[in-house]
Amino acid sequence: MARRSRWKAYQDKLIYRLFTGLGRVVRLLSRKQFEWIAFRIGDFLYDIVRVRRGVVRQNLAAAFPDKELKERRRIGRQVYRNMSVSLLEILRIPMVENAEDANELIDIDLSEFIAATKEQGKGGILLSAHFGNWELAGVCIGLLGLPMTVVAKRLRNKLIDQEINRIRKIRGNDVLYKRQALRDGLRLLKNGGVLTILGDQSDPDMVFVTDFLGRPASFFQGPAFLALKAQVPVFLIMTRRQPGGKYLMELKEIKTSDLSFSKASIQELTLRYIAQLEHYIRTYPEEWFWLHNRWKRSV
């Protein structure tokens, strides 16, 4: 047991050093150079290493049975390329130092969200997904005058977890682990804070199951619970890559005015944002993280 523990610690430290070393290299490159490298990494992972390629193909086939095989394969390859670009972009986040840098990376209009939250003396929830580069989006939004608290899952590699959280916090945002989200998240929202949650994650307890991309899937109802309990607006925020590498961030308020804090309303709000998430994923499938075995807890 002790030997296994030492080996795990050695592995974690090695991966951490590779991760931080890659970050130093990537920050020396131009955008054109690092995107070229990212595409080659994506192709290597898809064609040679085949990391979770079977899962990706199975997921795409289930979600898009009407698409031709050639088109699904094209989407699959682009998923790996986008994933690799996103990883290298995360490593370059320390280069994003101010609002001017953020505006060079993203196009976004926060006025509607600010009008519904800050100007009303309220907190608010930004609900997103493993779509586009969600980590870069959070940092840029913080630099543009809307600092937030990100709900995150603790990573198994503690060193990588600490480094990712350092990057998340580098420009004024904060991090809340999922186990703290209900209690501390509710307090934050009632005090006027902004909470960012990825709404496409599965619930291991299978409390709430609904159709998602053609198959039954479990969902956490935490975002809906928090929004209705704290009586704050919920906005979907989706980030997609445009030609040239700049991101477009689209915000859309999810209606809650007809809902109350009840089990039925929590389920209804959950269904509303799931429908919006699915719309974006079906419209821009290359942007979603299909490598995740999202339906392993399906009934």
Foldseek 3Di string as FASTA:
>chain_A
DVVVVVVVLVVLVVVLVVLLVLLVVLLVDDLVVQLVVLLVQLCCCVPPVNQLVVLQLVLLCLLCVPDDPVVSVVLSSLLSSQVSSLSNVLSNLVVQAALVSLVVAEDDDCVVVCVQAVVVPFAEEAEEALFRNPLSVQLNVLRVPAAAEEEDAQDPSNSVSVVSQCSSPVRPHHYDYPVCCQPVVLVQRLNRGYYYYYWLAADLVQPDWDDASNAITHTDLRVLLSCQVSVGWYKYWHWDADPVNHIYIDIDTQDDPVDHNDPVSSNVSSVRVSVVNRVVCVVNVSGHNSSDSRCPSGD
